[in-house]
Structures are given as structure tokens and as C-alpha cells.
Amino acid sequence: MSLLIGVALGLLEDVESLRSKWSSLSFLTKVLLVICLVTSFLSITSLADHIFKLKGFIVEALNFWIVIRAYVIGLLSFIHISIESWQLDFWIVFGIAFYPYVFERWKILPTSDRLRIVGIVSFYIVFPFTVGQSTATYTAICLYIVMLIVCLLPPRTTQFSFIAVRMITPPILVAIVAAISEGIYRPLI
């Protein structure tokens, strides 16, 4: 709230300063200021269009993931492994959240910590078979967010920044590939 009040007071000071100097400004400067003001309002009016495009981009990425997931589940059922789509989603999110950290830390951990990590990974591999869909979904999302926050909290080393980048990259790549795929299959008008 105090930030909003500070911004409002800053804007009022800017308007008052401009009003006091308006008569001393040249005609060209006044025209440029009016053009800048109109342009800034136009960019705000197009905000809804940008949000709509972002929503479409996210929907395309999710639809693309659903297609990939169907292929993976079909391949697994072909070799007589039966899993539900939400279980595969859990493992993917768990892998994205946990694998970069484990991969980076594995080299420097003592054997006892390595055994603990193997136990945790084993637990999470079995986890979707022991709980319901909503519990597994919330657990995977919370695990992803917590691991990302841990990697981004100060004091942040280059190693932890690299782990965070590796956690963020797969969802972004799926979204980019989905956008490319949708762009390729969009009909030319």
C-alpha cells in the first residue's frame, strides 16, 4: 500500500513540475510530450491483447504436453507398463525439480548423504502409487517451488543459479516447441 502511495505522490510531483514549466517549453517539446503521453496510454490499452496472447501460448504448451504425454503412456503400455497420466506428470515435475540439484551435488556428497538421496528418490518414485492424484499434484508443485526458491535464495552461488536455470529450462522449452509446432500447423490465410 505504501508503494502505491509513493508512486501516486511521485506522479503528482511530476505533474506539478511539468505544469510549472509548461509555458517555458518550446512548441516541439510540448508536441513530443503529448505524443509520449498518448503512446504510453496506447501501450497500456494493448495490455489485454498481450495477456490474451500469453494465455494462448500457455494453453498451446499444455496441449502440446498432453500430446507428448499420450505418446509416452502409449509407449509404456506397449511394453506392458500401466500408469496414469497424472502419475507421469508427477514424475516429470519431480525429475525437473530434484534431478538438477542431485546431479550437481552428487559429486561432492559423502556416501551417507548419497544413500539418503537414493532413499528419497526411491520414495518419490513409489509415492504416486500410494496417494491420490490431488495429494501427488500438490506435493509435486510444492517440491518444485521449494527447490527453485532454495536455489535462488541468497547467498546464491553460480552453482545454485545453474541448478535454477536447469529447473526452469524444460517447461520453457516445451512452451517454445509448442509455439513452433502451432505456428507450423497454422494455416496460411
Protein backbone atom coordinates (compact mmCIF):
# COMPACT_ATOMS: atom_id res chain seq x y z
CA MET A 1 0.00 0.00 0.00
CA SER A 2 2.82 2.40 0.88
CA LEU A 3 4.42 1.67 -2.50
CA LEU A 4 1.19 2.70 -4.25
CA ILE A 5 1.03 5.92 -2.21
CA GLY A 6 4.67 6.65 -3.04
CA VAL A 7 4.03 6.16 -6.75
CA ALA A 8 0.96 8.41 -6.62
CA LEU A 9 2.88 11.15 -4.79
CA GLY A 10 5.72 10.87 -7.30
CA LEU A 11 3.28 11.24 -10.19
CA LEU A 12 1.69 14.28 -8.55
CA GLU A 13 5.13 15.90 -8.15
CA ASP A 14 5.91 15.20 -11.83
CA VAL A 15 2.60 16.72 -12.96
CA GLU A 16 3.13 19.80 -10.79
CA SER A 17 6.69 20.23 -12.09
CA LEU A 18 5.51 19.90 -15.70
CA ARG A 19 2.69 22.39 -15.11
CA SER A 20 5.07 24.98 -13.69
CA LYS A 21 7.48 24.64 -16.65
CA TRP A 22 4.86 24.19 -19.41
CA SER A 23 4.82 27.80 -20.54
CA SER A 24 8.61 27.90 -20.94
CA LEU A 25 8.73 24.78 -23.13
CA SER A 26 9.04 25.05 -26.91
CA PHE A 27 6.20 24.00 -29.19
CA LEU A 28 8.16 20.94 -30.39
CA THR A 29 8.83 19.83 -26.81
CA LYS A 30 5.14 20.16 -25.95
CA VAL A 31 4.17 18.10 -29.00
CA LEU A 32 6.73 15.41 -28.10
CA LEU A 33 5.47 15.26 -24.51
CA VAL A 34 1.87 14.87 -25.70
CA ILE A 35 2.93 12.14 -28.18
CA CYS A 36 4.80 10.32 -25.38
CA LEU A 37 1.75 10.55 -23.13
CA VAL A 38 -0.58 9.19 -25.83
CA THR A 39 1.89 6.42 -26.70
CA SER A 40 2.14 5.35 -23.07
CA PHE A 41 -1.66 5.14 -22.84
CA LEU A 42 -1.77 3.11 -26.07
CA SER A 43 0.71 0.61 -24.65
CA ILE A 44 -1.49 0.22 -21.57
CA THR A 45 -4.57 -0.36 -23.74
CA SER A 46 -2.80 -3.18 -25.58
CA LEU A 47 -2.01 -4.94 -22.31
CA ALA A 48 -5.18 -7.04 -22.58
CA ASP A 49 -4.11 -8.25 -26.03
CA HIS A 50 -0.70 -9.28 -24.70
CA ILE A 51 -2.23 -11.15 -21.77
CA PHE A 52 -4.63 -12.89 -24.16
CA LYS A 53 -1.68 -13.94 -26.35
CA LEU A 54 0.22 -15.18 -23.28
CA LYS A 55 -2.79 -17.21 -22.23
CA GLY A 56 -2.95 -18.78 -25.69
CA PHE A 57 0.78 -19.52 -25.54
CA ILE A 58 0.37 -21.30 -22.18
CA VAL A 59 -2.64 -23.26 -23.45
CA GLU A 60 -0.68 -24.37 -26.53
CA ALA A 61 2.20 -25.51 -24.32
CA LEU A 62 -0.17 -27.53 -22.11
CA ASN A 63 -1.90 -29.07 -25.13
CA PHE A 64 1.49 -29.97 -26.60
CA TRP A 65 2.48 -31.61 -23.30
CA ILE A 66 -0.77 -33.60 -23.30
CA VAL A 67 0.08 -34.96 -26.76
CA ILE A 68 3.62 -35.89 -25.69
CA ARG A 69 2.27 -37.50 -22.51
CA ALA A 70 -0.19 -39.59 -24.53
CA TYR A 71 2.67 -40.88 -26.72
CA VAL A 72 4.76 -41.75 -23.65
CA ILE A 73 1.86 -43.54 -21.95
CA GLY A 74 1.12 -45.40 -25.20
CA LEU A 75 4.75 -46.46 -25.44
CA LEU A 76 4.76 -47.64 -21.82
CA SER A 77 1.52 -49.59 -22.30
CA PHE A 78 3.08 -51.18 -25.40
CA ILE A 79 5.74 -52.68 -23.11
CA HIS A 80 3.04 -53.63 -20.55
CA ILE A 81 3.64 -50.83 -18.03
CA SER A 82 0.39 -49.24 -16.98
CA ILE A 83 0.45 -45.78 -15.40
CA GLU A 84 -2.00 -42.93 -15.29
CA SER A 85 -1.27 -39.56 -16.85
CA TRP A 86 -1.11 -37.74 -13.51
CA GLN A 87 1.50 -40.22 -12.25
CA LEU A 88 3.68 -39.46 -15.26
CA ASP A 89 3.14 -35.74 -14.64
CA PHE A 90 4.26 -36.21 -11.03
CA TRP A 91 7.45 -38.00 -12.06
CA ILE A 92 8.26 -35.37 -14.67
CA VAL A 93 7.78 -32.48 -12.24
CA PHE A 94 9.71 -34.36 -9.55
CA GLY A 95 12.51 -35.04 -12.00
CA ILE A 96 12.65 -31.41 -13.14
CA ALA A 97 12.71 -30.22 -9.53
CA PHE A 98 15.08 -32.73 -7.98
CA TYR A 99 17.39 -34.04 -10.71
CA PRO A 100 19.40 -30.83 -11.34
CA TYR A 101 20.12 -30.48 -7.62
CA VAL A 102 21.08 -34.13 -7.19
CA PHE A 103 23.18 -34.14 -10.35
CA GLU A 104 25.14 -31.08 -9.23
CA ARG A 105 25.60 -32.16 -5.61
CA TRP A 106 26.22 -35.89 -6.19
CA LYS A 107 29.91 -35.38 -6.95
CA ILE A 108 30.68 -33.71 -3.63
CA LEU A 109 28.38 -35.59 -1.24
CA PRO A 110 29.68 -38.23 1.16
CA THR A 111 28.37 -41.78 0.82
CA SER A 112 25.86 -41.45 3.68
CA ASP A 113 24.22 -38.45 2.01
CA ARG A 114 24.18 -40.26 -1.33
CA LEU A 115 22.30 -43.16 0.31
CA ARG A 116 19.82 -40.70 1.80
CA ILE A 117 19.22 -39.15 -1.62
CA VAL A 118 18.73 -42.61 -3.19
CA GLY A 119 16.16 -43.30 -0.45
CA ILE A 120 14.33 -40.03 -1.10
CA VAL A 121 14.28 -40.64 -4.85
CA SER A 122 13.01 -44.21 -4.29
CA PHE A 123 10.27 -42.88 -2.02
CA TYR A 124 9.13 -40.37 -4.64
CA ILE A 125 9.15 -42.97 -7.40
CA VAL A 126 6.66 -45.05 -5.38
CA PHE A 127 4.80 -42.02 -3.96
CA PRO A 128 2.21 -41.61 -6.77
CA PHE A 129 1.09 -45.21 -6.25
CA THR A 130 0.46 -44.70 -2.53
CA VAL A 131 -1.52 -41.44 -2.53
CA GLY A 132 -4.30 -39.88 -4.54
CA GLN A 133 -3.97 -37.60 -7.52
CA SER A 134 -4.54 -34.31 -5.70
CA THR A 135 -2.01 -35.11 -2.95
CA ALA A 136 0.61 -36.08 -5.52
CA THR A 137 -0.10 -32.96 -7.59
CA TYR A 138 0.19 -30.59 -4.64
CA THR A 139 3.34 -32.37 -3.44
CA ALA A 140 4.99 -32.12 -6.87
CA ILE A 141 4.13 -28.43 -7.25
CA CYS A 142 5.30 -27.59 -3.73
CA LEU A 143 8.51 -29.58 -4.22
CA TYR A 144 9.24 -27.74 -7.47
CA ILE A 145 8.59 -24.31 -5.95
CA VAL A 146 10.59 -25.03 -2.78
CA MET A 147 13.58 -26.40 -4.72
CA LEU A 148 13.51 -23.38 -7.03
CA ILE A 149 13.36 -20.97 -4.08
CA VAL A 150 16.22 -22.80 -2.33
CA CYS A 151 18.33 -22.41 -5.46
CA LEU A 152 17.52 -18.72 -5.84
CA LEU A 153 17.83 -17.59 -2.21
CA PRO A 154 20.90 -15.63 -1.20
CA PRO A 155 23.72 -16.30 -0.76
CA ARG A 156 23.36 -17.68 -4.25
CA THR A 157 26.39 -19.24 -5.83
CA THR A 158 26.94 -19.80 -9.52
CA GLN A 159 26.30 -23.49 -8.90
CA PHE A 160 22.83 -22.84 -7.46
CA SER A 161 21.99 -20.35 -10.22
CA PHE A 162 22.88 -23.03 -12.77
CA ILE A 163 20.61 -25.52 -10.96
CA ALA A 164 17.74 -22.98 -11.09
CA VAL A 165 18.29 -22.44 -14.81
CA ARG A 166 18.20 -26.20 -15.37
CA MET A 167 14.93 -26.40 -13.42
CA ILE A 168 13.27 -23.60 -15.40
CA THR A 169 14.52 -24.65 -18.85
CA PRO A 170 12.34 -27.77 -19.51
CA PRO A 171 8.95 -26.04 -19.09
CA ILE A 172 10.16 -23.12 -21.20
CA LEU A 173 11.43 -25.48 -23.92
CA VAL A 174 8.07 -27.29 -24.01
CA ALA A 175 6.34 -23.92 -24.42
CA ILE A 176 8.72 -22.86 -27.20
CA VAL A 177 8.36 -26.16 -29.08
CA ALA A 178 4.57 -25.90 -28.68
CA ALA A 179 4.61 -22.38 -30.13
CA ILE A 180 6.75 -23.51 -33.06
CA SER A 181 4.52 -26.53 -33.67
CA GLU A 182 1.37 -24.40 -33.52
CA GLY A 183 2.95 -21.85 -35.86
CA ILE A 184 3.92 -24.51 -38.38
CA TYR A 185 0.45 -26.07 -38.46
CA ARG A 186 -1.45 -22.77 -38.51
CA PRO A 187 -2.99 -22.38 -41.97
CA LEU A 188 -1.89 -19.55 -44.20
CA ILE A 189 -4.75 -17.22 -44.95
